[in-house]
């Protein structure tokens, strides 16, 4: 388990990690490659999920946004 901050260059921000498990595992689509996972999720997907939580909040999802940019009431 790890408690720290990790940086995503793609999302240009740092994310706090608390009690998360980092592990190098076999790539599920290619046995000849390895992938870094956080809590059994590939690190790229983990970053996208964390960024989505920051961007849309913890309760709203991108699907709840209206075309005009506001939230559906």
PDB file of N, CA and C in Angstrom:
ATOM      1  N   UNK A   1       0.843  -1.177   0.000  1.00  0.00           N
ATOM      2  CA  UNK A   1       0.000   0.000   0.000  1.00  0.00           C
ATOM      3  C   UNK A   1       0.885   1.235   0.000  1.00  0.00           C
ATOM      4  N   UNK A   2       0.312   2.293  -0.530  1.00  0.00           N
ATOM      5  CA  UNK A   2       1.098   3.505  -0.694  1.00  0.00           C
ATOM      6  C   UNK A   2       0.254   4.734  -0.353  1.00  0.00           C
ATOM      7  N   UNK A   3       0.876   5.700   0.317  1.00  0.00           N
ATOM      8  CA  UNK A   3       0.271   7.004   0.596  1.00  0.00           C
ATOM      9  C   UNK A   3       1.234   8.054   0.077  1.00  0.00           C
ATOM     10  N   UNK A   4       0.791   8.843  -0.911  1.00  0.00           N
ATOM     11  CA  UNK A   4       1.684   9.827  -1.504  1.00  0.00           C
ATOM     12  C   UNK A   4       0.895  10.691  -2.482  1.00  0.00           C
ATOM     13  N   UNK A   5       1.610  11.344  -3.371  1.00  0.00           N
ATOM     14  CA  UNK A   5       1.028  12.098  -4.487  1.00  0.00           C
ATOM     15  C   UNK A   5       1.711  11.619  -5.757  1.00  0.00           C
ATOM     16  N   UNK A   6       0.926  11.429  -6.806  1.00  0.00           N
ATOM     17  CA  UNK A   6       1.511  11.067  -8.093  1.00  0.00           C
ATOM     18  C   UNK A   6       1.075  12.095  -9.122  1.00  0.00           C
ATOM     19  N   UNK A   7       1.928  12.311 -10.096  1.00  0.00           N
ATOM     20  CA  UNK A   7       1.707  13.335 -11.102  1.00  0.00           C
ATOM     21  C   UNK A   7       1.272  12.721 -12.424  1.00  0.00           C
ATOM     22  N   UNK A   8       0.256  13.309 -13.041  1.00  0.00           N
ATOM     23  CA  UNK A   8      -0.168  12.914 -14.379  1.00  0.00           C
ATOM     24  C   UNK A   8       0.180  14.045 -15.341  1.00  0.00           C
ATOM     25  N   UNK A   9       1.111  13.797 -16.237  1.00  0.00           N
ATOM     26  CA  UNK A   9       1.460  14.811 -17.223  1.00  0.00           C
ATOM     27  C   UNK A   9       0.303  15.042 -18.182  1.00  0.00           C
ATOM     28  N   UNK A  10      -0.430  13.982 -18.515  1.00  0.00           N
ATOM     29  CA  UNK A  10      -1.567  14.095 -19.430  1.00  0.00           C
ATOM     30  C   UNK A  10      -2.645  15.027 -18.875  1.00  0.00           C
ATOM     31  N   UNK A  11      -2.935  14.916 -17.577  1.00  0.00           N
ATOM     32  CA  UNK A  11      -3.983  15.731 -16.962  1.00  0.00           C
ATOM     33  C   UNK A  11      -3.441  16.973 -16.264  1.00  0.00           C
ATOM     34  N   UNK A  12      -2.116  17.115 -16.265  1.00  0.00           N
ATOM     35  CA  UNK A  12      -1.432  18.280 -15.700  1.00  0.00           C
ATOM     36  C   UNK A  12      -1.843  18.558 -14.257  1.00  0.00           C
ATOM     37  N   UNK A  13      -1.862  17.503 -13.459  1.00  0.00           N
ATOM     38  CA  UNK A  13      -2.168  17.676 -12.045  1.00  0.00           C
ATOM     39  C   UNK A  13      -1.622  16.529 -11.227  1.00  0.00           C
ATOM     40  N   UNK A  14      -1.597  16.750  -9.930  1.00  0.00           N
ATOM     41  CA  UNK A  14      -1.151  15.720  -9.000  1.00  0.00           C
ATOM     42  C   UNK A  14      -2.373  15.134  -8.310  1.00  0.00           C
ATOM     43  N   UNK A  15      -2.306  13.848  -8.031  1.00  0.00           N
ATOM     44  CA  UNK A  15      -3.400  13.149  -7.374  1.00  0.00           C
ATOM     45  C   UNK A  15      -2.886  12.536  -6.081  1.00  0.00           C
ATOM     46  N   UNK A  16      -3.665  12.704  -5.014  1.00  0.00           N
ATOM     47  CA  UNK A  16      -3.322  12.083  -3.736  1.00  0.00           C
ATOM     48  C   UNK A  16      -3.729  10.622  -3.777  1.00  0.00           C
ATOM     49  N   UNK A  17      -2.885   9.793  -3.217  1.00  0.00           N
ATOM     50  CA  UNK A  17      -3.212   8.373  -3.097  1.00  0.00           C
ATOM     51  C   UNK A  17      -3.106   7.990  -1.631  1.00  0.00           C
ATOM     52  N   UNK A  18      -4.101   7.257  -1.156  1.00  0.00           N
ATOM     53  CA  UNK A  18      -4.128   6.837   0.245  1.00  0.00           C
ATOM     54  C   UNK A  18      -4.529   5.377   0.293  1.00  0.00           C
ATOM     55  N   UNK A  19      -3.647   4.573   0.831  1.00  0.00           N
ATOM     56  CA  UNK A  19      -3.902   3.132   0.976  1.00  0.00           C
ATOM     57  C   UNK A  19      -4.209   2.443  -0.348  1.00  0.00           C
ATOM     58  N   UNK A  20      -3.609   2.923  -1.423  1.00  0.00           N
ATOM     59  CA  UNK A  20      -3.779   2.303  -2.733  1.00  0.00           C
ATOM     60  C   UNK A  20      -2.681   1.275  -2.965  1.00  0.00           C
ATOM     61  N   UNK A  21      -2.970   0.274  -3.759  1.00  0.00           N
ATOM     62  CA  UNK A  21      -2.027  -0.808  -4.031  1.00  0.00           C
ATOM     63  C   UNK A  21      -1.500  -0.668  -5.456  1.00  0.00           C
ATOM     64  N   UNK A  22      -0.190  -0.462  -5.564  1.00  0.00           N
ATOM     65  CA  UNK A  22       0.483  -0.402  -6.854  1.00  0.00           C
ATOM     66  C   UNK A  22       1.054  -1.781  -7.147  1.00  0.00           C
ATOM     67  N   UNK A  23       0.864  -2.227  -8.376  1.00  0.00           N
ATOM     68  CA  UNK A  23       1.356  -3.561  -8.728  1.00  0.00           C
ATOM     69  C   UNK A  23       1.674  -3.610 -10.222  1.00  0.00           C
ATOM     70  N   UNK A  24       2.725  -4.314 -10.577  1.00  0.00           N
ATOM     71  CA  UNK A  24       3.045  -4.567 -11.976  1.00  0.00           C
ATOM     72  C   UNK A  24       2.462  -5.931 -12.313  1.00  0.00           C
ATOM     73  N   UNK A  25       1.566  -5.958 -13.306  1.00  0.00           N
ATOM     74  CA  UNK A  25       0.868  -7.188 -13.679  1.00  0.00           C
ATOM     75  C   UNK A  25       1.011  -7.442 -15.169  1.00  0.00           C
ATOM     76  N   UNK A  26       0.692  -8.649 -15.577  1.00  0.00           N
ATOM     77  CA  UNK A  26       0.684  -8.965 -17.007  1.00  0.00           C
ATOM     78  C   UNK A  26      -0.451  -8.214 -17.680  1.00  0.00           C
ATOM     79  N   UNK A  27      -0.173  -7.731 -18.879  1.00  0.00           N
ATOM     80  CA  UNK A  27      -1.190  -7.057 -19.663  1.00  0.00           C
ATOM     81  C   UNK A  27      -2.247  -8.091 -20.065  1.00  0.00           C
ATOM     82  N   UNK A  28      -3.538  -7.831 -19.795  1.00  0.00           N
ATOM     83  CA  UNK A  28      -4.568  -8.828 -20.105  1.00  0.00           C
ATOM     84  C   UNK A  28      -4.722  -9.115 -21.599  1.00  0.00           C
ATOM     85  N   UNK A  29      -4.288  -8.188 -22.454  1.00  0.00           N
ATOM     86  CA  UNK A  29      -4.431  -8.403 -23.893  1.00  0.00           C
ATOM     87  C   UNK A  29      -3.149  -8.888 -24.557  1.00  0.00           C
ATOM     88  N   UNK A  30      -1.998  -8.806 -23.823  1.00  0.00           N
ATOM     89  CA  UNK A  30      -0.729  -9.224 -24.399  1.00  0.00           C
ATOM     90  C   UNK A  30       0.160  -9.765 -23.277  1.00  0.00           C
ATOM     91  N   UNK A  31       0.320 -11.073 -23.224  1.00  0.00           N
ATOM     92  CA  UNK A  31       1.112 -11.707 -22.163  1.00  0.00           C
ATOM     93  C   UNK A  31       2.582 -11.320 -22.184  1.00  0.00           C
ATOM     94  N   UNK A  32       3.067 -10.760 -23.284  1.00  0.00           N
ATOM     95  CA  UNK A  32       4.476 -10.371 -23.387  1.00  0.00           C
ATOM     96  C   UNK A  32       4.747  -8.991 -22.794  1.00  0.00           C
ATOM     97  N   UNK A  33       3.699  -8.287 -22.357  1.00  0.00           N
ATOM     98  CA  UNK A  33       3.853  -6.939 -21.823  1.00  0.00           C
ATOM     99  C   UNK A  33       3.355  -6.888 -20.384  1.00  0.00           C
ATOM    100  N   UNK A  34       3.875  -5.910 -19.656  1.00  0.00           N
ATOM    101  CA  UNK A  34       3.452  -5.666 -18.292  1.00  0.00           C
ATOM    102  C   UNK A  34       2.747  -4.321 -18.213  1.00  0.00           C
ATOM    103  N   UNK A  35       1.906  -4.170 -17.193  1.00  0.00           N
ATOM    104  CA  UNK A  35       1.188  -2.916 -17.006  1.00  0.00           C
ATOM    105  C   UNK A  35       1.197  -2.569 -15.513  1.00  0.00           C
ATOM    106  N   UNK A  36       1.376  -1.288 -15.212  1.00  0.00           N
ATOM    107  CA  UNK A  36       1.316  -0.822 -13.832  1.00  0.00           C
ATOM    108  C   UNK A  36      -0.145  -0.584 -13.479  1.00  0.00           C
ATOM    109  N   UNK A  37      -0.579  -1.154 -12.355  1.00  0.00           N
ATOM    110  CA  UNK A  37      -1.965  -0.982 -11.928  1.00  0.00           C
ATOM    111  C   UNK A  37      -2.024  -0.314 -10.561  1.00  0.00           C
ATOM    112  N   UNK A  38      -3.118   0.373 -10.328  1.00  0.00           N
ATOM    113  CA  UNK A  38      -3.425   0.914  -9.012  1.00  0.00           C
ATOM    114  C   UNK A  38      -4.770   0.311  -8.634  1.00  0.00           C
ATOM    115  N   UNK A  39      -4.787  -0.445  -7.550  1.00  0.00           N
ATOM    116  CA  UNK A  39      -5.998  -1.144  -7.118  1.00  0.00           C
ATOM    117  C   UNK A  39      -6.586  -2.004  -8.238  1.00  0.00           C
ATOM    118  N   UNK A  40      -5.698  -2.728  -8.939  1.00  0.00           N
ATOM    119  CA  UNK A  40      -6.047  -3.654 -10.027  1.00  0.00           C
ATOM    120  C   UNK A  40      -6.614  -2.962 -11.270  1.00  0.00           C
ATOM    121  N   UNK A  41      -6.443  -1.663 -11.385  1.00  0.00           N
ATOM    122  CA  UNK A  41      -6.913  -0.897 -12.541  1.00  0.00           C
ATOM    123  C   UNK A  41      -5.683  -0.318 -13.239  1.00  0.00           C
ATOM    124  N   UNK A  42      -5.575  -0.474 -14.569  1.00  0.00           N
ATOM    125  CA  UNK A  42      -4.417   0.116 -15.267  1.00  0.00           C
ATOM    126  C   UNK A  42      -4.280   1.600 -14.918  1.00  0.00           C
ATOM    127  N   UNK A  43      -3.057   2.046 -14.754  1.00  0.00           N
ATOM    128  CA  UNK A  43      -2.801   3.394 -14.251  1.00  0.00           C
ATOM    129  C   UNK A  43      -3.437   4.479 -15.127  1.00  0.00           C
ATOM    130  N   UNK A  44      -3.459   4.300 -16.432  1.00  0.00           N
ATOM    131  CA  UNK A  44      -4.088   5.292 -17.313  1.00  0.00           C
ATOM    132  C   UNK A  44      -5.580   5.426 -17.045  1.00  0.00           C
ATOM    133  N   UNK A  45      -6.246   4.313 -16.850  1.00  0.00           N
ATOM    134  CA  UNK A  45      -7.680   4.337 -16.538  1.00  0.00           C
ATOM    135  C   UNK A  45      -7.910   4.942 -15.154  1.00  0.00           C
ATOM    136  N   UNK A  46      -7.015   4.637 -14.213  1.00  0.00           N
ATOM    137  CA  UNK A  46      -7.141   5.186 -12.864  1.00  0.00           C
ATOM    138  C   UNK A  46      -7.056   6.701 -12.903  1.00  0.00           C
ATOM    139  N   UNK A  47      -6.066   7.244 -13.676  1.00  0.00           N
ATOM    140  CA  UNK A  47      -5.935   8.695 -13.804  1.00  0.00           C
ATOM    141  C   UNK A  47      -7.205   9.299 -14.415  1.00  0.00           C
ATOM    142  N   UNK A  48      -7.750   8.680 -15.457  1.00  0.00           N
ATOM    143  CA  UNK A  48      -8.965   9.204 -16.089  1.00  0.00           C
ATOM    144  C   UNK A  48     -10.123   9.231 -15.100  1.00  0.00           C
ATOM    145  N   UNK A  49     -10.257   8.180 -14.323  1.00  0.00           N
ATOM    146  CA  UNK A  49     -11.337   8.122 -13.336  1.00  0.00           C
ATOM    147  C   UNK A  49     -11.176   9.216 -12.282  1.00  0.00           C
ATOM    148  N   UNK A  50      -9.960   9.397 -11.765  1.00  0.00           N
ATOM    149  CA  UNK A  50      -9.713  10.418 -10.753  1.00  0.00           C
ATOM    150  C   UNK A  50      -9.941  11.810 -11.303  1.00  0.00           C
ATOM    151  N   UNK A  51      -9.518  12.045 -12.550  1.00  0.00           N
ATOM    152  CA  UNK A  51      -9.723  13.347 -13.175  1.00  0.00           C
ATOM    153  C   UNK A  51     -11.213  13.607 -13.369  1.00  0.00           C
ATOM    154  N   UNK A  52     -11.954  12.582 -13.779  1.00  0.00           N
ATOM    155  CA  UNK A  52     -13.398  12.715 -13.934  1.00  0.00           C
ATOM    156  C   UNK A  52     -14.075  13.058 -12.619  1.00  0.00           C
ATOM    157  N   UNK A  53     -13.625  12.465 -11.544  1.00  0.00           N
ATOM    158  CA  UNK A  53     -14.192  12.775 -10.227  1.00  0.00           C
ATOM    159  C   UNK A  53     -13.949  14.233  -9.861  1.00  0.00           C
ATOM    160  N   UNK A  54     -12.760  14.741 -10.175  1.00  0.00           N
ATOM    161  CA  UNK A  54     -12.459  16.144  -9.888  1.00  0.00           C
ATOM    162  C   UNK A  54     -13.255  17.072 -10.790  1.00  0.00           C
ATOM    163  N   UNK A  55     -13.343  16.716 -12.055  1.00  0.00           N
ATOM    164  CA  UNK A  55     -13.992  17.588 -13.033  1.00  0.00           C
ATOM    165  C   UNK A  55     -15.500  17.632 -12.878  1.00  0.00           C
ATOM    166  N   UNK A  56     -16.111  16.484 -12.678  1.00  0.00           N
ATOM    167  CA  UNK A  56     -17.562  16.411 -12.632  1.00  0.00           C
ATOM    168  C   UNK A  56     -18.112  16.273 -11.223  1.00  0.00           C
ATOM    169  N   UNK A  57     -17.274  16.209 -10.243  1.00  0.00           N
ATOM    170  CA  UNK A  57     -17.726  16.011  -8.875  1.00  0.00           C
ATOM    171  C   UNK A  57     -17.926  14.533  -8.612  1.00  0.00           C
ATOM    172  N   UNK A  58     -18.133  14.193  -7.380  1.00  0.00           N
ATOM    173  CA  UNK A  58     -18.235  12.786  -7.021  1.00  0.00           C
ATOM    174  C   UNK A  58     -19.612  12.207  -7.303  1.00  0.00           C
ATOM    175  N   UNK A  59     -20.634  13.040  -7.474  1.00  0.00           N
ATOM    176  CA  UNK A  59     -21.988  12.516  -7.644  1.00  0.00           C
ATOM    177  C   UNK A  59     -22.505  12.657  -9.072  1.00  0.00           C
ATOM    178  N   UNK A  60     -21.992  13.630  -9.795  1.00  0.00           N
ATOM    179  CA  UNK A  60     -22.442  13.800 -11.165  1.00  0.00           C
ATOM    180  C   UNK A  60     -21.560  12.996 -12.108  1.00  0.00           C
ATOM    181  N   UNK A  61     -22.135  12.606 -13.220  1.00  0.00           N
ATOM    182  CA  UNK A  61     -21.370  11.919 -14.251  1.00  0.00           C
ATOM    183  C   UNK A  61     -21.425  12.757 -15.507  1.00  0.00           C
ATOM    184  N   UNK A  62     -20.516  12.551 -16.457  1.00  0.00           N
ATOM    185  CA  UNK A  62     -20.553  13.336 -17.699  1.00  0.00           C
ATOM    186  C   UNK A  62     -21.889  13.224 -18.417  1.00  0.00           C
ATOM    187  N   UNK A  63     -22.584  12.120 -18.294  1.00  0.00           N
ATOM    188  CA  UNK A  63     -23.866  11.933 -18.956  1.00  0.00           C
ATOM    189  C   UNK A  63     -24.964  12.815 -18.402  1.00  0.00           C
ATOM    190  N   UNK A  64     -24.766  13.370 -17.204  1.00  0.00           N
ATOM    191  CA  UNK A  64     -25.770  14.228 -16.603  1.00  0.00           C
ATOM    192  C   UNK A  64     -25.625  15.686 -17.035  1.00  0.00           C
ATOM    193  N   UNK A  65     -24.573  16.008 -17.788  1.00  0.00           N
ATOM    194  CA  UNK A  65     -24.388  17.367 -18.261  1.00  0.00           C
ATOM    195  C   UNK A  65     -25.263  17.620 -19.478  1.00  0.00           C
ATOM    196  N   UNK A  66     -25.847  18.811 -19.530  1.00  0.00           N
ATOM    197  CA  UNK A  66     -26.649  19.188 -20.682  1.00  0.00           C
ATOM    198  C   UNK A  66     -25.750  19.760 -21.758  1.00  0.00           C
ATOM    199  N   UNK A  67     -26.286  19.867 -22.985  1.00  0.00           N
ATOM    200  CA  UNK A  67     -25.497  20.397 -24.094  1.00  0.00           C
ATOM    201  C   UNK A  67     -25.072  21.837 -23.846  1.00  0.00           C
ATOM    202  N   UNK A  68     -25.872  22.607 -23.122  1.00  0.00           N
ATOM    203  CA  UNK A  68     -25.554  23.991 -22.849  1.00  0.00           C
ATOM    204  C   UNK A  68     -24.482  24.168 -21.789  1.00  0.00           C
ATOM    205  N   UNK A  69     -23.997  23.079 -21.223  1.00  0.00           N
ATOM    206  CA  UNK A  69     -22.925  23.163 -20.245  1.00  0.00           C
ATOM    207  C   UNK A  69     -23.416  23.146 -18.819  1.00  0.00           C
ATOM    208  N   UNK A  70     -24.735  23.243 -18.610  1.00  0.00           N
ATOM    209  CA  UNK A  70     -25.267  23.230 -17.251  1.00  0.00           C
ATOM    210  C   UNK A  70     -25.624  21.824 -16.816  1.00  0.00           C
ATOM    211  N   UNK A  71     -25.969  21.701 -15.560  1.00  0.00           N
ATOM    212  CA  UNK A  71     -26.387  20.404 -15.038  1.00  0.00           C
ATOM    213  C   UNK A  71     -27.883  20.238 -15.159  1.00  0.00           C
ATOM    214  N   UNK A  72     -28.305  19.024 -15.394  1.00  0.00           N
ATOM    215  CA  UNK A  72     -29.727  18.706 -15.477  1.00  0.00           C
ATOM    216  C   UNK A  72     -30.307  18.747 -14.076  1.00  0.00           C
ATOM    217  N   UNK A  73     -31.409  19.435 -13.891  1.00  0.00           N
ATOM    218  CA  UNK A  73     -32.034  19.532 -12.566  1.00  0.00           C
ATOM    219  C   UNK A  73     -33.152  18.525 -12.415  1.00  0.00           C
TER     220      UNK A  73
END
